[in-house]
Amino acid sequence: MPNDLPIRKIIHVDMDAFYASVEQMDNPELKGKPLAVGGGGKRGVISAASYEARQFGVKSAMSGNLAIKLCPELIFVKPNFERYTKISKQIRKIFHDYTDLVEPLSLDEAYLDVTKNKKGNPSASLIAKEIRQRIFDEVGLTASAGISINKFVAKIASDYNKPNGQKTVNPEDVLEFLEQLDIRKFYGIGKVTAEKMYQKGIFTGKDLKAKSADYLEAHFGKSGKSYYYIVRGIHNSEVKPHRTRKSLAAERTFYENLTSEVFMIKKLEHIAKEVAKRLSKSKVAGKTVTLKIKYSDFTLQTRSRTLPYYVSDKDIILDAAKNLLYQDTLKESVRLLGISISNLNTQSIYAKASMDKESVSVQLKFEF
């Protein structure tokens, strides 16, 4: 690893089945039972599933209809985001007792940089253990954690001993840890990319590491270069306490599939109004409008247009979304529509440090 590349002590804390666990904590009669948050009704989509439900194959983003087929005893609970947000703030307060370098990813997970921490504790592993114990004692929920030299490895590690566990990947173990991983475990490599890698004989981190940067860039575009570095333990992204919002969106799933564009426009009016409301609340505007269309066969399509100026007005957003809707023929009836605004006026440009492709290793002496 280049001498100027910092080695950090990063913890990724991930709450265990957060929404479902909150519901089971608040309603003791639900403990030990297969539970899904959301997903109720004919067109419902699941937001979270308890571990009891996951044993049957139920998972988030799954339709309620499919989930009930997999688990006939499944209990559906309406989401209570106000409650989840309140508990999330309690948990983040615990994080800040150890470091101000806290980067929330969502209500239920965050990165912590404890290289220099408020407790003066040199062991990131012991800090993670203490944080998890405090969350259990003070909030009543369990959390899992991953500890390593950067955000990428820490996030992968946090999934290893779930639920209610943690895993530390020491600096001297990073390369071996990444080499033995199935590439599906690599954060940022989705199902489609994984299948493409399988077709090219790339099944593990070791297979990925055997490919040159030029090869990966040629076959996987700009992402190929990042794959080259991450499999070598190089991921120099800092923990950012104030993350820059990159997009803002709203979407709706419909009780009945829509076949008429007239009805779709009416739905888009409500969605555009919600997006404008969220833009106003966040005091931002954006240039790129994206229309999301999910068809009755669950295939997904997005259509985007970048305007020459920043927008936050509902009517302008709606006009752009309507133009995108009429841009091409719809191939099926539609079950979901969404509008997102990106290219926001809050984004900054960060310089990317160049790295030597030939000289890559991992520093060994670092107390975890």
Protein backbone atom coordinates (compact mmCIF):
# COMPACT_ATOMS: atom_id res chain seq x y z
CA MET A 1 0.00 0.00 0.00
CA PRO A 2 1.39 3.47 -0.80
CA ASN A 3 3.00 5.03 2.27
CA ASP A 4 0.66 8.04 2.22
CA LEU A 5 -2.49 5.89 2.26
CA PRO A 6 -3.96 6.08 5.80
CA ILE A 7 -4.86 3.05 7.88
CA ARG A 8 -7.93 3.72 9.98
CA LYS A 9 -9.91 1.92 12.66
CA ILE A 10 -13.43 1.73 11.26
CA ILE A 11 -16.50 0.16 12.85
CA HIS A 12 -19.66 -0.56 10.87
CA VAL A 13 -22.62 -1.01 13.22
CA ASP A 14 -25.72 -2.64 11.75
CA MET A 15 -28.88 -3.16 13.80
CA ASP A 16 -30.38 -6.65 13.61
CA ALA A 17 -33.68 -6.67 11.65
CA PHE A 18 -34.21 -3.16 13.01
CA TYR A 19 -37.84 -2.35 12.14
CA ALA A 20 -39.04 -5.86 12.96
CA SER A 21 -37.02 -5.97 16.19
CA VAL A 22 -38.52 -2.66 17.33
CA GLU A 23 -42.01 -4.04 16.75
CA GLN A 24 -41.20 -7.21 18.67
CA MET A 25 -39.72 -5.16 21.52
CA ASP A 26 -42.78 -2.91 21.72
CA ASN A 27 -45.21 -5.83 21.38
CA PRO A 28 -43.95 -8.80 23.45
CA GLU A 29 -46.66 -11.06 21.98
CA LEU A 30 -44.82 -10.81 18.63
CA LYS A 31 -41.50 -12.10 19.99
CA GLY A 32 -40.37 -15.35 18.46
CA LYS A 33 -42.95 -15.13 15.68
CA PRO A 34 -42.44 -14.61 11.93
CA LEU A 35 -43.07 -10.91 11.39
CA ALA A 36 -43.02 -8.57 8.39
CA VAL A 37 -43.10 -4.79 8.60
CA GLY A 38 -45.18 -3.52 5.69
CA GLY A 39 -46.30 -5.86 2.95
CA GLY A 40 -49.92 -5.98 4.02
CA GLY A 41 -52.71 -5.73 1.47
CA LYS A 42 -52.93 -6.91 -2.10
CA ARG A 43 -50.01 -4.80 -3.41
CA GLY A 44 -47.91 -4.36 -0.28
CA VAL A 45 -44.11 -4.57 -0.28
CA ILE A 46 -42.15 -5.70 2.78
CA SER A 47 -39.85 -3.14 4.44
CA ALA A 48 -38.26 -5.57 6.90
CA ALA A 49 -38.60 -9.15 8.13
CA SER A 50 -37.81 -10.71 11.50
CA TYR A 51 -35.25 -13.50 11.66
CA GLU A 52 -38.08 -15.95 12.30
CA ALA A 53 -39.61 -14.91 8.97
CA ARG A 54 -36.28 -14.96 7.15
CA GLN A 55 -35.97 -18.67 7.88
CA PHE A 56 -38.83 -19.16 5.41
CA GLY A 57 -37.15 -17.00 2.75
CA VAL A 58 -39.09 -13.82 3.52
CA LYS A 59 -37.01 -10.67 2.98
CA SER A 60 -37.26 -6.94 2.42
CA ALA A 61 -38.49 -5.62 -0.95
CA MET A 62 -40.52 -8.83 -1.43
CA SER A 63 -44.21 -8.58 -2.24
CA GLY A 64 -46.57 -9.46 0.58
CA ASN A 65 -48.35 -11.99 -1.63
CA LEU A 66 -45.16 -13.98 -2.19
CA ALA A 67 -44.15 -13.71 1.47
CA ILE A 68 -47.43 -15.20 2.70
CA LYS A 69 -47.00 -18.11 0.30
CA LEU A 70 -43.55 -18.80 1.74
CA CYS A 71 -44.74 -18.35 5.32
CA PRO A 72 -48.51 -18.79 5.83
CA GLU A 73 -48.16 -17.86 9.54
CA LEU A 74 -46.53 -14.51 8.70
CA ILE A 75 -47.77 -11.54 10.73
CA PHE A 76 -47.89 -8.15 8.95
CA VAL A 77 -47.33 -4.95 10.94
CA LYS A 78 -47.76 -1.41 9.67
CA PRO A 79 -44.47 0.60 9.71
CA ASN A 80 -44.04 3.23 12.42
CA PHE A 81 -41.20 5.39 11.11
CA GLU A 82 -41.64 8.02 13.80
CA ARG A 83 -40.83 5.35 16.39
CA TYR A 84 -37.91 3.96 14.38
CA THR A 85 -36.45 7.47 13.97
CA LYS A 86 -36.70 8.15 17.70
CA ILE A 87 -34.83 4.95 18.56
CA SER A 88 -32.26 5.61 15.84
CA LYS A 89 -31.46 8.95 17.50
CA GLN A 90 -30.92 7.15 20.83
CA ILE A 91 -28.46 4.80 19.19
CA ARG A 92 -26.58 7.60 17.43
CA LYS A 93 -26.23 9.40 20.76
CA ILE A 94 -24.37 6.33 22.04
CA PHE A 95 -22.09 6.44 18.98
CA HIS A 96 -21.20 10.06 19.68
CA ASP A 97 -20.02 9.15 23.17
CA TYR A 98 -17.09 7.48 21.42
CA THR A 99 -16.42 9.62 18.34
CA ASP A 100 -17.80 12.55 16.41
CA LEU A 101 -16.83 10.83 13.17
CA VAL A 102 -20.16 9.06 12.68
CA GLU A 103 -21.61 8.56 9.18
CA PRO A 104 -25.19 7.25 9.23
CA LEU A 105 -26.17 5.22 6.15
CA SER A 106 -29.79 4.82 7.22
CA LEU A 107 -31.79 4.63 10.45
CA ASP A 108 -30.24 1.28 11.32
CA GLU A 109 -26.59 1.43 10.31
CA ALA A 110 -23.58 3.73 10.50
CA TYR A 111 -19.82 3.94 10.12
CA LEU A 112 -17.67 5.09 13.04
CA ASP A 113 -14.03 6.14 12.80
CA VAL A 114 -12.48 5.36 16.19
CA THR A 115 -8.82 5.73 15.19
CA LYS A 116 -8.75 8.58 17.69
CA ASN A 117 -11.69 8.21 20.07
CA LYS A 118 -13.10 10.00 23.09
CA LYS A 119 -12.43 7.01 25.38
CA GLY A 120 -8.74 6.79 24.55
CA ASN A 121 -9.23 3.08 23.88
CA PRO A 122 -6.74 1.70 21.31
CA SER A 123 -8.90 -1.35 20.57
CA ALA A 124 -11.64 -0.81 17.99
CA SER A 125 -12.88 -4.34 18.69
CA LEU A 126 -13.43 -3.59 22.39
CA ILE A 127 -15.14 -0.30 21.53
CA ALA A 128 -17.52 -2.13 19.17
CA LYS A 129 -18.30 -4.70 21.85
CA GLU A 130 -18.99 -1.95 24.39
CA ILE A 131 -21.24 -0.04 21.98
CA ARG A 132 -23.27 -3.16 21.18
CA GLN A 133 -23.68 -3.89 24.90
CA ARG A 134 -24.83 -0.33 25.59
CA ILE A 135 -27.38 -0.49 22.76
CA PHE A 136 -28.77 -3.67 24.29
CA ASP A 137 -28.81 -2.31 27.86
CA GLU A 138 -30.12 1.20 27.07
CA VAL A 139 -32.34 0.57 24.05
CA GLY A 140 -33.22 -3.12 24.30
CA LEU A 141 -32.10 -4.17 20.81
CA THR A 142 -29.19 -6.18 19.44
CA ALA A 143 -26.66 -4.96 16.91
CA SER A 144 -23.87 -6.53 14.88
CA ALA A 145 -20.57 -4.91 13.98
CA GLY A 146 -17.67 -5.22 11.57
CA ILE A 147 -14.25 -3.80 12.40
CA SER A 148 -11.37 -3.24 9.99
CA ILE A 149 -9.03 -0.79 8.28
CA ASN A 150 -11.61 0.81 5.96
CA LYS A 151 -15.34 1.21 5.40
CA PHE A 152 -15.56 -1.41 2.66
CA VAL A 153 -14.09 -4.29 4.67
CA ALA A 154 -15.88 -3.24 7.88
CA LYS A 155 -19.28 -3.34 6.14
CA ILE A 156 -18.68 -6.82 4.75
CA ALA A 157 -17.46 -8.02 8.17
CA SER A 158 -20.56 -6.77 9.99
CA ASP A 159 -22.67 -9.32 8.12
CA TYR A 160 -20.50 -12.27 9.14
CA ASN A 161 -21.75 -13.05 12.64
CA LYS A 162 -25.30 -11.71 12.47
CA PRO A 163 -27.38 -11.49 14.51
CA ASN A 164 -25.87 -10.06 17.70
CA GLY A 165 -22.23 -10.66 16.81
CA GLN A 166 -19.14 -8.95 15.49
CA LYS A 167 -16.11 -9.73 13.38
CA THR A 168 -12.73 -8.03 13.27
CA VAL A 169 -10.58 -8.24 10.15
CA ASN A 170 -7.10 -7.27 11.26
CA PRO A 171 -4.77 -5.47 8.82
CA GLU A 172 -2.64 -8.57 8.28
CA ASP A 173 -5.76 -10.62 7.46
CA VAL A 174 -7.47 -8.23 5.01
CA LEU A 175 -6.05 -9.67 1.77
CA GLU A 176 -6.77 -13.30 2.72
CA PHE A 177 -10.27 -12.32 3.92
CA LEU A 178 -11.10 -10.65 0.61
CA GLU A 179 -9.55 -13.41 -1.51
CA GLN A 180 -11.76 -16.16 -0.04
CA LEU A 181 -15.01 -14.20 -0.39
CA ASP A 182 -17.62 -15.07 -2.98
CA ILE A 183 -17.85 -11.97 -5.17
CA ARG A 184 -21.58 -11.76 -4.30
CA LYS A 185 -20.44 -10.76 -0.81
CA PHE A 186 -18.58 -7.72 -2.13
CA TYR A 187 -20.54 -4.62 -1.20
CA GLY A 188 -21.44 -2.81 -4.43
CA ILE A 189 -21.45 -5.90 -6.68
CA GLY A 190 -25.09 -6.61 -7.45
CA LYS A 191 -26.79 -9.66 -8.89
CA VAL A 192 -26.37 -8.64 -12.54
CA THR A 193 -22.66 -7.81 -12.18
CA ALA A 194 -22.07 -11.02 -10.20
CA GLU A 195 -23.62 -13.09 -12.99
CA LYS A 196 -21.43 -11.32 -15.54
CA MET A 197 -18.36 -12.07 -13.43
CA TYR A 198 -19.36 -15.72 -13.11
CA GLN A 199 -19.52 -15.94 -16.90
CA LYS A 200 -15.93 -14.70 -17.04
CA GLY A 201 -14.69 -17.20 -14.46
CA ILE A 202 -14.62 -14.75 -11.56
CA PHE A 203 -16.18 -16.47 -8.55
CA THR A 204 -14.10 -15.32 -5.58
CA GLY A 205 -11.99 -12.38 -4.51
CA LYS A 206 -8.93 -14.38 -5.51
CA ASP A 207 -10.28 -14.73 -9.06
CA LEU A 208 -11.04 -11.01 -9.14
CA LYS A 209 -7.56 -10.14 -7.90
CA ALA A 210 -6.02 -12.17 -10.74
CA LYS A 211 -7.49 -9.77 -13.32
CA SER A 212 -5.61 -6.64 -14.36
CA ALA A 213 -7.01 -3.16 -13.92
CA ASP A 214 -7.23 -2.79 -17.70
CA TYR A 215 -9.19 -6.03 -18.03
CA LEU A 216 -11.68 -5.07 -15.33
CA GLU A 217 -12.16 -1.59 -16.74
CA ALA A 218 -12.67 -2.98 -20.24
CA HIS A 219 -15.38 -5.42 -19.09
CA PHE A 220 -17.00 -3.51 -16.22
CA GLY A 221 -16.48 0.13 -17.13
CA LYS A 222 -15.55 2.69 -14.50
CA SER A 223 -16.51 0.29 -11.72
CA GLY A 224 -13.79 -2.08 -12.91
CA LYS A 225 -11.05 0.16 -11.55
CA SER A 226 -12.70 0.31 -8.13
CA TYR A 227 -12.94 -3.51 -8.11
CA TYR A 228 -9.20 -3.66 -8.79
CA TYR A 229 -8.46 -1.62 -5.67
CA ILE A 230 -11.04 -2.92 -3.20
CA VAL A 231 -9.99 -6.56 -3.65
CA ARG A 232 -6.52 -5.37 -2.61
CA GLY A 233 -7.86 -3.79 0.56
CA ILE A 234 -7.66 -0.25 -0.80
CA HIS A 235 -10.69 1.91 -0.07
CA ASN A 236 -9.70 5.39 1.01
CA SER A 237 -13.16 6.87 1.60
CA GLU A 238 -13.28 8.79 4.88
CA VAL A 239 -16.10 8.57 7.41
CA LYS A 240 -18.12 11.70 6.64
CA PRO A 241 -20.27 12.96 9.55
CA HIS A 242 -22.26 15.16 7.17
CA ARG A 243 -22.97 13.14 4.06
CA THR A 244 -23.87 15.06 0.93
CA ARG A 245 -27.31 14.08 -0.32
CA LYS A 246 -27.07 12.87 -3.92
CA SER A 247 -30.74 12.49 -4.77
CA LEU A 248 -34.25 12.84 -3.42
CA ALA A 249 -37.22 10.72 -4.47
CA ALA A 250 -40.79 9.56 -3.88
CA GLU A 251 -42.69 6.63 -5.34
CA ARG A 252 -46.02 4.87 -5.10
CA THR A 253 -47.13 1.25 -5.57
CA PHE A 254 -50.73 1.03 -6.81
CA TYR A 255 -53.51 -1.21 -5.55
CA GLU A 256 -54.45 -2.03 -9.16
CA ASN A 257 -52.13 -2.03 -12.18
CA LEU A 258 -52.47 1.09 -14.32
CA THR A 259 -52.93 0.76 -18.07
CA SER A 260 -54.00 4.29 -18.95
CA GLU A 261 -51.47 7.12 -19.12
CA VAL A 262 -54.26 9.49 -18.05
CA PHE A 263 -54.48 7.74 -14.68
CA MET A 264 -50.68 7.65 -14.45
CA ILE A 265 -50.49 11.43 -14.85
CA LYS A 266 -52.85 11.84 -11.91
CA LYS A 267 -50.60 9.64 -9.79
CA LEU A 268 -47.52 11.55 -10.95
CA GLU A 269 -49.12 14.79 -9.78
CA HIS A 270 -49.23 13.47 -6.20
CA ILE A 271 -45.69 12.08 -6.45
CA ALA A 272 -44.31 15.35 -7.88
CA LYS A 273 -45.99 17.26 -5.05
CA GLU A 274 -44.31 14.99 -2.49
CA VAL A 275 -40.90 15.37 -4.16
CA ALA A 276 -41.26 19.17 -4.20
CA LYS A 277 -42.22 19.09 -0.52
CA ARG A 278 -39.11 17.06 0.35
CA LEU A 279 -36.88 19.35 -1.74
CA SER A 280 -38.28 22.36 0.09
CA LYS A 281 -37.78 20.72 3.48
CA SER A 282 -34.17 19.87 2.61
CA LYS A 283 -33.62 23.32 1.02
CA VAL A 284 -32.16 21.84 -2.16
CA ALA A 285 -32.91 21.75 -5.89
CA GLY A 286 -31.72 19.51 -8.71
CA LYS A 287 -31.19 19.36 -12.44
CA THR A 288 -31.81 15.71 -13.30
CA VAL A 289 -35.35 14.30 -13.22
CA THR A 290 -35.70 10.51 -13.34
CA LEU A 291 -38.95 8.62 -13.85
CA LYS A 292 -39.07 5.13 -12.36
CA ILE A 293 -41.52 2.64 -13.84
CA LYS A 294 -42.12 -0.85 -12.46
CA TYR A 295 -44.30 -3.03 -14.67
CA SER A 296 -46.76 -5.76 -13.72
CA ASP A 297 -44.10 -8.39 -14.51
CA PHE A 298 -41.82 -6.62 -11.96
CA THR A 299 -39.31 -5.45 -14.59
CA LEU A 300 -37.96 -2.00 -13.86
CA GLN A 301 -37.31 0.88 -16.24
CA THR A 302 -35.89 4.36 -15.63
CA ARG A 303 -35.97 7.37 -17.91
CA SER A 304 -33.96 10.52 -17.14
CA ARG A 305 -33.64 14.07 -18.37
CA THR A 306 -31.16 16.71 -17.22
CA LEU A 307 -32.47 20.27 -17.31
CA PRO A 308 -30.26 23.33 -17.92
CA TYR A 309 -31.21 24.79 -14.51
CA TYR A 310 -31.95 23.69 -10.94
CA VAL A 311 -35.60 22.96 -10.18
CA SER A 312 -37.69 22.37 -7.05
CA ASP A 313 -41.11 23.51 -8.28
CA LYS A 314 -43.83 20.84 -8.41
CA ASP A 315 -45.20 21.90 -11.80
CA ILE A 316 -41.80 21.86 -13.50
CA ILE A 317 -40.98 18.45 -12.00
CA LEU A 318 -44.36 17.14 -13.14
CA ASP A 319 -43.87 18.46 -16.69
CA ALA A 320 -40.49 16.75 -16.91
CA ALA A 321 -41.95 13.48 -15.57
CA LYS A 322 -44.84 13.64 -18.06
CA ASN A 323 -42.43 14.15 -20.96
CA LEU A 324 -40.46 11.12 -19.79
CA LEU A 325 -43.63 9.06 -19.52
CA TYR A 326 -44.57 9.90 -23.13
CA GLN A 327 -40.99 9.41 -24.31
CA ASP A 328 -41.57 5.76 -25.19
CA THR A 329 -44.38 3.21 -25.32
CA LEU A 330 -45.14 1.38 -22.09
CA LYS A 331 -44.58 -2.35 -22.56
CA GLU A 332 -46.93 -3.59 -19.81
CA SER A 333 -49.41 -2.34 -17.24
CA VAL A 334 -47.72 -0.39 -14.45
CA ARG A 335 -47.68 -1.28 -10.74
CA LEU A 336 -45.33 1.46 -9.47
CA LEU A 337 -44.26 4.98 -10.46
CA GLY A 338 -41.55 7.08 -8.89
CA ILE A 339 -39.82 10.42 -9.45
CA SER A 340 -36.32 11.25 -8.26
CA ILE A 341 -34.30 14.45 -8.47
CA SER A 342 -30.51 14.19 -8.61
CA ASN A 343 -27.55 16.37 -9.62
CA LEU A 344 -28.43 18.48 -6.59
CA ASN A 345 -26.96 21.88 -5.83
CA THR A 346 -25.44 20.52 -2.60
CA GLN A 347 -22.95 18.23 -4.32
CA SER A 348 -19.23 18.87 -4.19
CA ILE A 349 -16.47 17.60 -6.41
CA TYR A 350 -13.81 15.61 -4.64
CA ALA A 351 -10.40 15.00 -6.13
CA LYS A 352 -9.50 11.33 -6.43
CA ALA A 353 -6.00 10.35 -5.48
CA SER A 354 -4.20 8.27 -8.06
CA MET A 355 -2.77 4.95 -6.93
CA ASP A 356 0.15 2.90 -8.13
CA LYS A 357 -1.27 -0.22 -9.83
CA GLU A 358 1.88 -2.24 -9.33
CA SER A 359 2.73 -1.62 -5.66
CA VAL A 360 -0.03 -2.83 -3.35
CA SER A 361 0.35 -4.43 0.09
CA VAL A 362 -1.15 -4.09 3.57
CA GLN A 363 0.53 -2.58 6.62
CA LEU A 364 0.70 -5.21 9.33
CA LYS A 365 1.41 -3.56 12.70
CA PHE A 366 -1.78 -1.96 13.88
CA GLU A 367 -3.59 -2.75 17.14
CA PHE A 368 -7.23 -3.68 16.72
